[in-house]
């Protein structure tokens, strides 16, 4: 069983946790993307999401921050 955490990028709030059985079929499930693939050796990248720009930053402590 996997715990999924939701995060609302529009309001910047943490949602509730919910559990999910790995065998449960979910049409929205995709394979994870490695952060190294997104960052491509950079400390930050800009993401255009529906005309709004977001900045994904990697910290020296290994955390990721997504900001508008």
PDB file of N, CA and C in Angstrom:
ATOM      1  N   UNK A   1       0.842  -1.164   0.000  1.00  0.00           N
ATOM      2  CA  UNK A   1       0.000   0.000   0.000  1.00  0.00           C
ATOM      3  C   UNK A   1       0.896   1.239   0.000  1.00  0.00           C
ATOM      4  N   UNK A   2       0.548   2.253  -0.783  1.00  0.00           N
ATOM      5  CA  UNK A   2       1.315   3.475  -0.921  1.00  0.00           C
ATOM      6  C   UNK A   2       0.512   4.655  -0.402  1.00  0.00           C
ATOM      7  N   UNK A   3       1.167   5.553   0.330  1.00  0.00           N
ATOM      8  CA  UNK A   3       0.504   6.779   0.773  1.00  0.00           C
ATOM      9  C   UNK A   3       0.744   7.858  -0.269  1.00  0.00           C
ATOM     10  N   UNK A   4      -0.327   8.475  -0.745  1.00  0.00           N
ATOM     11  CA  UNK A   4      -0.218   9.549  -1.710  1.00  0.00           C
ATOM     12  C   UNK A   4      -0.515  10.867  -1.017  1.00  0.00           C
ATOM     13  N   UNK A   5       0.306  11.872  -1.272  1.00  0.00           N
ATOM     14  CA  UNK A   5       0.130  13.197  -0.694  1.00  0.00           C
ATOM     15  C   UNK A   5      -0.250  14.136  -1.825  1.00  0.00           C
ATOM     16  N   UNK A   6      -1.294  14.912  -1.630  1.00  0.00           N
ATOM     17  CA  UNK A   6      -1.686  15.852  -2.663  1.00  0.00           C
ATOM     18  C   UNK A   6      -1.178  17.242  -2.315  1.00  0.00           C
ATOM     19  N   UNK A   7      -0.876  18.020  -3.338  1.00  0.00           N
ATOM     20  CA  UNK A   7      -0.415  19.386  -3.162  1.00  0.00           C
ATOM     21  C   UNK A   7      -1.062  20.233  -4.241  1.00  0.00           C
ATOM     22  N   UNK A   8      -1.704  21.298  -3.849  1.00  0.00           N
ATOM     23  CA  UNK A   8      -2.382  22.188  -4.784  1.00  0.00           C
ATOM     24  C   UNK A   8      -1.404  23.281  -5.185  1.00  0.00           C
ATOM     25  N   UNK A   9      -0.885  23.222  -6.436  1.00  0.00           N
ATOM     26  CA  UNK A   9       0.105  24.196  -6.879  1.00  0.00           C
ATOM     27  C   UNK A   9      -0.504  25.576  -7.071  1.00  0.00           C
ATOM     28  N   UNK A  10      -1.809  25.653  -7.264  1.00  0.00           N
ATOM     29  CA  UNK A  10      -2.446  26.953  -7.454  1.00  0.00           C
ATOM     30  C   UNK A  10      -2.532  27.713  -6.138  1.00  0.00           C
ATOM     31  N   UNK A  11      -3.046  27.060  -5.087  1.00  0.00           N
ATOM     32  CA  UNK A  11      -3.188  27.740  -3.802  1.00  0.00           C
ATOM     33  C   UNK A  11      -1.966  27.566  -2.905  1.00  0.00           C
ATOM     34  N   UNK A  12      -1.091  26.591  -3.232  1.00  0.00           N
ATOM     35  CA  UNK A  12       0.101  26.347  -2.427  1.00  0.00           C
ATOM     36  C   UNK A  12      -0.186  25.664  -1.117  1.00  0.00           C
ATOM     37  N   UNK A  13      -1.274  24.894  -1.065  1.00  0.00           N
ATOM     38  CA  UNK A  13      -1.635  24.222   0.182  1.00  0.00           C
ATOM     39  C   UNK A  13      -1.429  22.718   0.068  1.00  0.00           C
ATOM     40  N   UNK A  14      -1.132  22.114   1.204  1.00  0.00           N
ATOM     41  CA  UNK A  14      -0.972  20.674   1.291  1.00  0.00           C
ATOM     42  C   UNK A  14      -2.339  20.047   1.458  1.00  0.00           C
ATOM     43  N   UNK A  15      -2.637  19.048   0.654  1.00  0.00           N
ATOM     44  CA  UNK A  15      -3.918  18.361   0.762  1.00  0.00           C
ATOM     45  C   UNK A  15      -3.854  17.218   1.742  1.00  0.00           C
ATOM     46  N   UNK A  16      -4.846  16.394   1.707  1.00  0.00           N
ATOM     47  CA  UNK A  16      -4.899  15.272   2.638  1.00  0.00           C
ATOM     48  C   UNK A  16      -4.139  14.077   2.084  1.00  0.00           C
ATOM     49  N   UNK A  17      -3.801  13.188   2.980  1.00  0.00           N
ATOM     50  CA  UNK A  17      -3.161  11.942   2.587  1.00  0.00           C
ATOM     51  C   UNK A  17      -4.243  10.917   2.287  1.00  0.00           C
ATOM     52  N   UNK A  18      -3.935  10.021   1.354  1.00  0.00           N
ATOM     53  CA  UNK A  18      -4.839   8.907   1.113  1.00  0.00           C
ATOM     54  C   UNK A  18      -3.993   7.701   0.749  1.00  0.00           C
ATOM     55  N   UNK A  19      -4.482   6.546   1.109  1.00  0.00           N
ATOM     56  CA  UNK A  19      -3.742   5.335   0.790  1.00  0.00           C
ATOM     57  C   UNK A  19      -4.269   4.750  -0.503  1.00  0.00           C
ATOM     58  N   UNK A  20      -3.381   4.043  -1.182  1.00  0.00           N
ATOM     59  CA  UNK A  20      -3.757   3.415  -2.441  1.00  0.00           C
ATOM     60  C   UNK A  20      -3.070   2.065  -2.525  1.00  0.00           C
ATOM     61  N   UNK A  21      -3.827   1.075  -2.888  1.00  0.00           N
ATOM     62  CA  UNK A  21      -3.291  -0.254  -3.102  1.00  0.00           C
ATOM     63  C   UNK A  21      -2.592  -0.257  -4.454  1.00  0.00           C
ATOM     64  N   UNK A  22      -1.367  -0.774  -4.514  1.00  0.00           N
ATOM     65  CA  UNK A  22      -0.601  -0.791  -5.764  1.00  0.00           C
ATOM     66  C   UNK A  22      -1.306  -1.572  -6.868  1.00  0.00           C
ATOM     67  N   UNK A  23      -2.158  -2.517  -6.537  1.00  0.00           N
ATOM     68  CA  UNK A  23      -2.847  -3.312  -7.538  1.00  0.00           C
ATOM     69  C   UNK A  23      -4.098  -2.626  -8.069  1.00  0.00           C
ATOM     70  N   UNK A  24      -4.517  -1.541  -7.440  1.00  0.00           N
ATOM     71  CA  UNK A  24      -5.715  -0.836  -7.865  1.00  0.00           C
ATOM     72  C   UNK A  24      -5.429  -0.138  -9.190  1.00  0.00           C
ATOM     73  N   UNK A  25      -6.325  -0.327 -10.182  1.00  0.00           N
ATOM     74  CA  UNK A  25      -6.106   0.325 -11.459  1.00  0.00           C
ATOM     75  C   UNK A  25      -6.594   1.758 -11.370  1.00  0.00           C
ATOM     76  N   UNK A  26      -5.803   2.664 -11.907  1.00  0.00           N
ATOM     77  CA  UNK A  26      -6.118   4.085 -11.886  1.00  0.00           C
ATOM     78  C   UNK A  26      -5.638   4.663 -13.203  1.00  0.00           C
ATOM     79  N   UNK A  27      -6.552   5.173 -14.005  1.00  0.00           N
ATOM     80  CA  UNK A  27      -6.195   5.662 -15.331  1.00  0.00           C
ATOM     81  C   UNK A  27      -5.292   6.881 -15.269  1.00  0.00           C
ATOM     82  N   UNK A  28      -5.164   7.523 -14.112  1.00  0.00           N
ATOM     83  CA  UNK A  28      -4.325   8.712 -13.982  1.00  0.00           C
ATOM     84  C   UNK A  28      -2.898   8.373 -13.561  1.00  0.00           C
ATOM     85  N   UNK A  29      -2.620   7.138 -13.230  1.00  0.00           N
ATOM     86  CA  UNK A  29      -1.293   6.771 -12.774  1.00  0.00           C
ATOM     87  C   UNK A  29      -0.304   6.827 -13.919  1.00  0.00           C
ATOM     88  N   UNK A  30       0.874   7.419 -13.662  1.00  0.00           N
ATOM     89  CA  UNK A  30       1.970   7.439 -14.616  1.00  0.00           C
ATOM     90  C   UNK A  30       3.242   7.046 -13.888  1.00  0.00           C
ATOM     91  N   UNK A  31       4.265   6.743 -14.656  1.00  0.00           N
ATOM     92  CA  UNK A  31       5.555   6.409 -14.061  1.00  0.00           C
ATOM     93  C   UNK A  31       6.207   7.675 -13.523  1.00  0.00           C
ATOM     94  N   UNK A  32       6.904   7.573 -12.411  1.00  0.00           N
ATOM     95  CA  UNK A  32       7.586   8.754 -11.859  1.00  0.00           C
ATOM     96  C   UNK A  32       8.674   9.254 -12.804  1.00  0.00           C
ATOM     97  N   UNK A  33       8.896  10.556 -12.792  1.00  0.00           N
ATOM     98  CA  UNK A  33       9.965  11.171 -13.571  1.00  0.00           C
ATOM     99  C   UNK A  33      11.058  11.566 -12.594  1.00  0.00           C
ATOM    100  N   UNK A  34      12.284  11.170 -12.859  1.00  0.00           N
ATOM    101  CA  UNK A  34      13.411  11.515 -11.986  1.00  0.00           C
ATOM    102  C   UNK A  34      13.651  13.015 -12.042  1.00  0.00           C
ATOM    103  N   UNK A  35      13.896  13.624 -10.891  1.00  0.00           N
ATOM    104  CA  UNK A  35      14.151  15.060 -10.845  1.00  0.00           C
ATOM    105  C   UNK A  35      15.385  15.428 -11.668  1.00  0.00           C
ATOM    106  N   UNK A  36      16.368  14.531 -11.720  1.00  0.00           N
ATOM    107  CA  UNK A  36      17.563  14.785 -12.519  1.00  0.00           C
ATOM    108  C   UNK A  36      17.211  14.946 -14.001  1.00  0.00           C
ATOM    109  N   UNK A  37      16.194  14.224 -14.442  1.00  0.00           N
ATOM    110  CA  UNK A  37      15.752  14.328 -15.834  1.00  0.00           C
ATOM    111  C   UNK A  37      15.143  15.702 -16.096  1.00  0.00           C
ATOM    112  N   UNK A  38      14.349  16.197 -15.151  1.00  0.00           N
ATOM    113  CA  UNK A  38      13.745  17.521 -15.299  1.00  0.00           C
ATOM    114  C   UNK A  38      14.788  18.634 -15.204  1.00  0.00           C
ATOM    115  N   UNK A  39      15.694  18.534 -14.244  1.00  0.00           N
ATOM    116  CA  UNK A  39      16.662  19.595 -13.992  1.00  0.00           C
ATOM    117  C   UNK A  39      17.841  19.583 -14.973  1.00  0.00           C
ATOM    118  N   UNK A  40      18.182  18.441 -15.522  1.00  0.00           N
ATOM    119  CA  UNK A  40      19.264  18.288 -16.507  1.00  0.00           C
ATOM    120  C   UNK A  40      20.554  18.987 -16.084  1.00  0.00           C
ATOM    121  N   UNK A  41      20.953  18.754 -14.835  1.00  0.00           N
ATOM    122  CA  UNK A  41      22.211  19.302 -14.328  1.00  0.00           C
ATOM    123  C   UNK A  41      22.120  20.736 -13.832  1.00  0.00           C
ATOM    124  N   UNK A  42      20.974  21.346 -13.919  1.00  0.00           N
ATOM    125  CA  UNK A  42      20.783  22.723 -13.458  1.00  0.00           C
ATOM    126  C   UNK A  42      20.222  22.717 -12.040  1.00  0.00           C
ATOM    127  N   UNK A  43      20.325  23.843 -11.341  1.00  0.00           N
ATOM    128  CA  UNK A  43      19.735  23.952 -10.001  1.00  0.00           C
ATOM    129  C   UNK A  43      18.283  24.391 -10.061  1.00  0.00           C
ATOM    130  N   UNK A  44      17.887  24.993 -11.192  1.00  0.00           N
ATOM    131  CA  UNK A  44      16.493  25.397 -11.343  1.00  0.00           C
ATOM    132  C   UNK A  44      16.092  25.344 -12.810  1.00  0.00           C
ATOM    133  N   UNK A  45      14.806  25.094 -13.031  1.00  0.00           N
ATOM    134  CA  UNK A  45      14.229  25.120 -14.373  1.00  0.00           C
ATOM    135  C   UNK A  45      12.901  25.860 -14.308  1.00  0.00           C
ATOM    136  N   UNK A  46      12.534  26.481 -15.423  1.00  0.00           N
ATOM    137  CA  UNK A  46      11.245  27.161 -15.526  1.00  0.00           C
ATOM    138  C   UNK A  46      10.286  26.262 -16.265  1.00  0.00           C
ATOM    139  N   UNK A  47       9.060  26.166 -15.759  1.00  0.00           N
ATOM    140  CA  UNK A  47       8.025  25.319 -16.338  1.00  0.00           C
ATOM    141  C   UNK A  47       6.853  26.204 -16.744  1.00  0.00           C
ATOM    142  N   UNK A  48       6.455  26.111 -18.021  1.00  0.00           N
ATOM    143  CA  UNK A  48       5.282  26.839 -18.504  1.00  0.00           C
ATOM    144  C   UNK A  48       4.101  25.887 -18.403  1.00  0.00           C
ATOM    145  N   UNK A  49       3.170  26.218 -17.522  1.00  0.00           N
ATOM    146  CA  UNK A  49       1.985  25.384 -17.308  1.00  0.00           C
ATOM    147  C   UNK A  49       0.756  26.227 -17.623  1.00  0.00           C
ATOM    148  N   UNK A  50       0.203  26.032 -18.809  1.00  0.00           N
ATOM    149  CA  UNK A  50      -0.990  26.760 -19.209  1.00  0.00           C
ATOM    150  C   UNK A  50      -0.788  28.264 -19.269  1.00  0.00           C
ATOM    151  N   UNK A  51       0.409  28.691 -19.657  1.00  0.00           N
ATOM    152  CA  UNK A  51       0.679  30.117 -19.745  1.00  0.00           C
ATOM    153  C   UNK A  51       1.201  30.747 -18.471  1.00  0.00           C
ATOM    154  N   UNK A  52       1.229  29.991 -17.381  1.00  0.00           N
ATOM    155  CA  UNK A  52       1.772  30.478 -16.111  1.00  0.00           C
ATOM    156  C   UNK A  52       3.140  29.859 -15.904  1.00  0.00           C
ATOM    157  N   UNK A  53       4.129  30.694 -15.554  1.00  0.00           N
ATOM    158  CA  UNK A  53       5.477  30.195 -15.330  1.00  0.00           C
ATOM    159  C   UNK A  53       5.681  29.801 -13.878  1.00  0.00           C
ATOM    160  N   UNK A  54       6.294  28.647 -13.670  1.00  0.00           N
ATOM    161  CA  UNK A  54       6.658  28.142 -12.352  1.00  0.00           C
ATOM    162  C   UNK A  54       8.152  27.864 -12.359  1.00  0.00           C
ATOM    163  N   UNK A  55       8.792  28.035 -11.223  1.00  0.00           N
ATOM    164  CA  UNK A  55      10.214  27.747 -11.088  1.00  0.00           C
ATOM    165  C   UNK A  55      10.387  26.537 -10.166  1.00  0.00           C
ATOM    166  N   UNK A  56      11.037  25.506 -10.679  1.00  0.00           N
ATOM    167  CA  UNK A  56      11.358  24.317  -9.882  1.00  0.00           C
ATOM    168  C   UNK A  56      12.821  24.430  -9.477  1.00  0.00           C
ATOM    169  N   UNK A  57      13.082  24.513  -8.170  1.00  0.00           N
ATOM    170  CA  UNK A  57      14.437  24.692  -7.655  1.00  0.00           C
ATOM    171  C   UNK A  57      14.849  23.509  -6.793  1.00  0.00           C
ATOM    172  N   UNK A  58      16.099  23.096  -6.948  1.00  0.00           N
ATOM    173  CA  UNK A  58      16.689  22.066  -6.094  1.00  0.00           C
ATOM    174  C   UNK A  58      17.609  22.759  -5.099  1.00  0.00           C
ATOM    175  N   UNK A  59      17.455  22.438  -3.823  1.00  0.00           N
ATOM    176  CA  UNK A  59      18.297  23.046  -2.791  1.00  0.00           C
ATOM    177  C   UNK A  59      19.529  22.192  -2.546  1.00  0.00           C
ATOM    178  N   UNK A  60      20.482  22.761  -1.855  1.00  0.00           N
ATOM    179  CA  UNK A  60      21.699  22.010  -1.528  1.00  0.00           C
ATOM    180  C   UNK A  60      21.413  20.865  -0.562  1.00  0.00           C
ATOM    181  N   UNK A  61      20.273  20.945   0.152  1.00  0.00           N
ATOM    182  CA  UNK A  61      19.906  19.873   1.086  1.00  0.00           C
ATOM    183  C   UNK A  61      19.081  18.776   0.405  1.00  0.00           C
ATOM    184  N   UNK A  62      18.858  18.904  -0.911  1.00  0.00           N
ATOM    185  CA  UNK A  62      18.166  17.857  -1.650  1.00  0.00           C
ATOM    186  C   UNK A  62      16.663  18.018  -1.750  1.00  0.00           C
ATOM    187  N   UNK A  63      16.136  19.149  -1.345  1.00  0.00           N
ATOM    188  CA  UNK A  63      14.697  19.398  -1.441  1.00  0.00           C
ATOM    189  C   UNK A  63      14.363  20.087  -2.750  1.00  0.00           C
ATOM    190  N   UNK A  64      13.113  19.945  -3.151  1.00  0.00           N
ATOM    191  CA  UNK A  64      12.607  20.633  -4.347  1.00  0.00           C
ATOM    192  C   UNK A  64      11.565  21.644  -3.947  1.00  0.00           C
ATOM    193  N   UNK A  65      11.594  22.825  -4.578  1.00  0.00           N
ATOM    194  CA  UNK A  65      10.584  23.849  -4.350  1.00  0.00           C
ATOM    195  C   UNK A  65      10.021  24.277  -5.685  1.00  0.00           C
ATOM    196  N   UNK A  66       8.705  24.333  -5.763  1.00  0.00           N
ATOM    197  CA  UNK A  66       8.007  24.807  -6.945  1.00  0.00           C
ATOM    198  C   UNK A  66       7.306  26.104  -6.577  1.00  0.00           C
ATOM    199  N   UNK A  67       7.690  27.199  -7.233  1.00  0.00           N
ATOM    200  CA  UNK A  67       7.102  28.501  -6.936  1.00  0.00           C
ATOM    201  C   UNK A  67       6.603  29.149  -8.213  1.00  0.00           C
ATOM    202  N   UNK A  68       5.675  30.085  -8.045  1.00  0.00           N
ATOM    203  CA  UNK A  68       5.163  30.866  -9.171  1.00  0.00           C
ATOM    204  C   UNK A  68       6.096  32.001  -9.456  1.00  0.00           C
TER     205      UNK A  68
END
